[in-house]
């Protein structure tokens, strides 16, 4: 089974990650990942060196950034050149602390909602009702491609993930494995 981690913070996510681009590339090689993506919080500073290094090892890559939108963490990925330009504009808005106009900056952008943290999780944990489904629809309808990101960190999370799977099937949402990677595990060989 091919796996590509798509929710990686690099050290460019200030105080959120200890991963340099070199460490990310070494992990991709060590674990023989199919490819990888970086999604730093609110910025795209690591993307040029990430692309350069991924091309050196001949692995596919995706570039993106993570934003806080309506109390949710959403990773946005460039699907094409339009998407990259829109991500650049979104990143600029974040840096300037301006509101983010996703209605006009969504062309060529794929979105993954982090269901492990944020407003969605609290609403989902309370009760699945019309308010939750409308809330999620309002976010998902901004994008041509939208996914719910599922992260399982421990045994207790499996029940939550299964509930998400049932919800996604019932309301026609697609899921993607979405572990957040911020640090490299130190293991002795």
Protein backbone atom coordinates (compact mmCIF):
# COMPACT_ATOMS: atom_id res chain seq x y z
CA UNK A 1 0.00 0.00 0.00
CA UNK A 2 1.39 3.37 -0.98
CA UNK A 3 1.38 6.07 1.69
CA UNK A 4 2.25 9.74 1.45
CA UNK A 5 2.03 11.93 4.55
CA UNK A 6 0.16 15.09 3.53
CA UNK A 7 -0.06 16.96 6.84
CA UNK A 8 3.53 17.83 7.67
CA UNK A 9 4.60 20.96 9.52
CA UNK A 10 8.16 22.06 8.90
CA UNK A 11 10.18 24.39 11.09
CA UNK A 12 8.61 27.23 9.09
CA UNK A 13 5.53 26.71 11.28
CA UNK A 14 7.11 28.79 14.02
CA UNK A 15 7.16 27.01 17.40
CA UNK A 16 4.99 24.18 16.05
CA UNK A 17 7.53 21.83 14.49
CA UNK A 18 11.12 20.72 14.83
CA UNK A 19 11.38 19.39 11.28
CA UNK A 20 13.77 20.92 8.81
CA UNK A 21 13.26 20.28 5.12
CA UNK A 22 16.28 17.94 5.24
CA UNK A 23 14.70 15.90 8.05
CA UNK A 24 11.45 15.63 6.09
CA UNK A 25 13.33 14.40 3.01
CA UNK A 26 15.31 11.90 5.10
CA UNK A 27 12.05 10.52 6.56
CA UNK A 28 10.52 10.20 3.09
CA UNK A 29 13.56 8.21 1.98
CA UNK A 30 13.90 6.14 5.18
CA UNK A 31 10.25 5.05 5.20
CA UNK A 32 10.05 4.83 1.41
CA UNK A 33 6.95 7.01 1.30
CA UNK A 34 5.32 7.32 -2.08
CA UNK A 35 5.60 11.14 -1.75
CA UNK A 36 4.83 13.89 0.74
CA UNK A 37 3.27 17.29 1.30
CA UNK A 38 4.07 20.18 3.60
CA UNK A 39 1.33 22.35 5.04
CA UNK A 40 2.90 24.95 7.26
CA UNK A 41 0.64 27.10 9.38
CA UNK A 42 -0.28 30.21 7.40
CA UNK A 43 2.85 30.39 5.26
CA UNK A 44 4.58 28.87 2.26
CA UNK A 45 8.19 29.77 3.10
CA UNK A 46 9.44 26.16 3.03
CA UNK A 47 7.92 25.24 -0.31
CA UNK A 48 10.78 26.21 -2.66
CA UNK A 49 13.39 24.12 -0.82
CA UNK A 50 10.86 21.31 -0.25
CA UNK A 51 10.15 21.10 -4.00
CA UNK A 52 13.85 21.19 -4.85
CA UNK A 53 14.67 18.38 -2.43
CA UNK A 54 11.71 16.20 -3.43
CA UNK A 55 12.69 16.53 -7.09
CA UNK A 56 16.24 15.42 -6.18
CA UNK A 57 14.92 12.15 -4.74
CA UNK A 58 12.38 11.79 -7.56
CA UNK A 59 9.30 11.64 -5.32
CA UNK A 60 5.91 13.24 -6.00
CA UNK A 61 4.98 16.15 -3.79
CA UNK A 62 2.06 18.37 -2.92
CA UNK A 63 2.36 21.90 -1.61
CA UNK A 64 -0.06 23.60 0.68
CA UNK A 65 -0.63 25.54 3.83
CA UNK A 66 -2.84 25.26 6.85
CA UNK A 67 -5.18 28.04 7.92
CA UNK A 68 -7.59 28.66 10.75
CA UNK A 69 -11.01 29.23 9.21
CA UNK A 70 -14.17 29.60 11.31
CA UNK A 71 -12.37 27.99 14.23
CA UNK A 72 -11.20 25.01 12.17
CA UNK A 73 -7.82 23.96 10.90
CA UNK A 74 -8.07 23.46 7.16
CA UNK A 75 -5.20 22.38 4.94
CA UNK A 76 -5.32 23.85 1.47
CA UNK A 77 -3.37 22.22 -1.36
CA UNK A 78 -2.46 23.53 -4.79
CA UNK A 79 -3.98 21.34 -7.48
CA UNK A 80 -2.49 23.40 -10.31
CA UNK A 81 -0.96 26.82 -11.10
CA UNK A 82 -4.21 28.63 -10.29
CA UNK A 83 -4.27 26.86 -6.95
CA UNK A 84 -0.67 27.84 -6.21
CA UNK A 85 -1.42 31.48 -7.01
CA UNK A 86 -4.49 31.38 -4.78
CA UNK A 87 -2.53 29.76 -1.94
CA UNK A 88 0.03 32.55 -2.26
CA UNK A 89 -2.74 35.14 -1.94
CA UNK A 90 -4.25 33.31 1.04
CA UNK A 91 -0.85 33.11 2.71
CA UNK A 92 -0.36 36.83 2.13
CA UNK A 93 -3.74 37.54 3.75
CA UNK A 94 -2.79 35.42 6.76
CA UNK A 95 0.56 37.20 7.12
CA UNK A 96 -1.17 40.59 6.97
CA UNK A 97 -3.87 39.35 9.40
CA UNK A 98 -6.56 40.15 6.83
CA UNK A 99 -9.74 38.16 6.37
CA UNK A 100 -9.42 35.25 3.95
CA UNK A 101 -11.68 35.39 0.90
CA UNK A 102 -12.06 31.67 0.17
CA UNK A 103 -15.06 32.29 -2.08
CA UNK A 104 -12.80 34.01 -4.62
CA UNK A 105 -9.52 32.19 -3.91
CA UNK A 106 -10.61 28.58 -4.23
CA UNK A 107 -9.93 27.79 -7.89
CA UNK A 108 -7.37 25.00 -8.13
CA UNK A 109 -7.42 24.47 -4.35
CA UNK A 110 -8.16 21.19 -2.57
CA UNK A 111 -9.25 21.41 1.08
CA UNK A 112 -8.91 18.93 3.95
CA UNK A 113 -10.65 19.74 7.23
CA UNK A 114 -8.78 18.58 10.32
CA UNK A 115 -11.50 16.73 12.25
CA UNK A 116 -9.25 16.06 15.24
CA UNK A 117 -9.09 19.67 16.41
CA UNK A 118 -11.24 22.76 16.17
CA UNK A 119 -14.86 23.77 15.96
CA UNK A 120 -15.96 20.82 13.84
CA UNK A 121 -14.88 18.31 16.49
CA UNK A 122 -16.73 20.10 19.28
CA UNK A 123 -19.89 20.34 17.15
CA UNK A 124 -19.51 16.72 16.01
CA UNK A 125 -19.04 15.50 19.58
CA UNK A 126 -22.15 17.34 20.77
CA UNK A 127 -24.71 16.03 18.34
CA UNK A 128 -25.10 15.37 14.65
CA UNK A 129 -27.98 17.60 13.67
CA UNK A 130 -29.04 20.12 11.05
CA UNK A 131 -26.76 22.78 12.56
CA UNK A 132 -23.69 20.58 12.13
CA UNK A 133 -24.57 19.48 8.62
CA UNK A 134 -25.27 23.08 7.54
CA UNK A 135 -22.05 24.28 9.19
CA UNK A 136 -20.02 21.65 7.35
CA UNK A 137 -21.84 22.25 4.08
CA UNK A 138 -21.06 25.98 4.29
CA UNK A 139 -17.36 25.17 4.53
CA UNK A 140 -17.23 22.28 2.06
CA UNK A 141 -19.22 24.11 -0.62
CA UNK A 142 -16.39 26.64 -0.95
CA UNK A 143 -14.25 23.99 -2.67
CA UNK A 144 -14.56 21.74 -5.70
CA UNK A 145 -12.62 19.09 -3.79
CA UNK A 146 -13.15 18.76 -0.05
CA UNK A 147 -12.17 16.00 2.37
CA UNK A 148 -12.51 15.25 6.05
CA UNK A 149 -9.11 14.44 7.52
CA UNK A 150 -9.03 11.54 9.97
CA UNK A 151 -6.27 11.17 12.53
CA UNK A 152 -5.98 8.30 14.98
CA UNK A 153 -3.41 8.86 17.72
CA UNK A 154 -4.54 6.26 20.25
CA UNK A 155 -7.08 3.45 20.79
CA UNK A 156 -9.73 5.88 22.04
CA UNK A 157 -9.61 7.72 18.71
CA UNK A 158 -10.75 4.62 16.79
CA UNK A 159 -14.34 5.04 18.03
CA UNK A 160 -14.33 8.69 16.91
CA UNK A 161 -12.85 7.71 13.52
CA UNK A 162 -15.51 5.04 13.03
CA UNK A 163 -18.21 7.59 13.85
CA UNK A 164 -16.66 9.92 11.26
CA UNK A 165 -16.73 7.11 8.67
CA UNK A 166 -20.44 6.53 9.30
CA UNK A 167 -21.12 10.26 9.07
CA UNK A 168 -19.11 10.57 5.84
CA UNK A 169 -21.01 7.69 4.25
CA UNK A 170 -24.38 9.09 5.29
CA UNK A 171 -23.67 12.66 4.15
CA UNK A 172 -21.48 11.87 1.14
CA UNK A 173 -18.12 13.22 2.30
CA UNK A 174 -14.77 11.71 1.40
CA UNK A 175 -12.21 10.87 4.08
CA UNK A 176 -8.43 10.92 3.97
CA UNK A 177 -5.84 9.64 6.45
CA UNK A 178 -4.53 12.80 8.03
CA UNK A 179 -1.92 12.29 10.75
CA UNK A 180 -0.22 15.54 11.69
CA UNK A 181 3.55 15.20 11.57
CA UNK A 182 5.56 17.79 13.48
CA UNK A 183 8.60 15.94 14.80
CA UNK A 184 10.91 13.15 13.84
CA UNK A 185 10.89 10.14 16.10
CA UNK A 186 14.33 9.36 17.45
CA UNK A 187 14.93 5.65 17.40
CA UNK A 188 18.18 3.81 17.90
CA UNK A 189 19.04 1.24 15.27
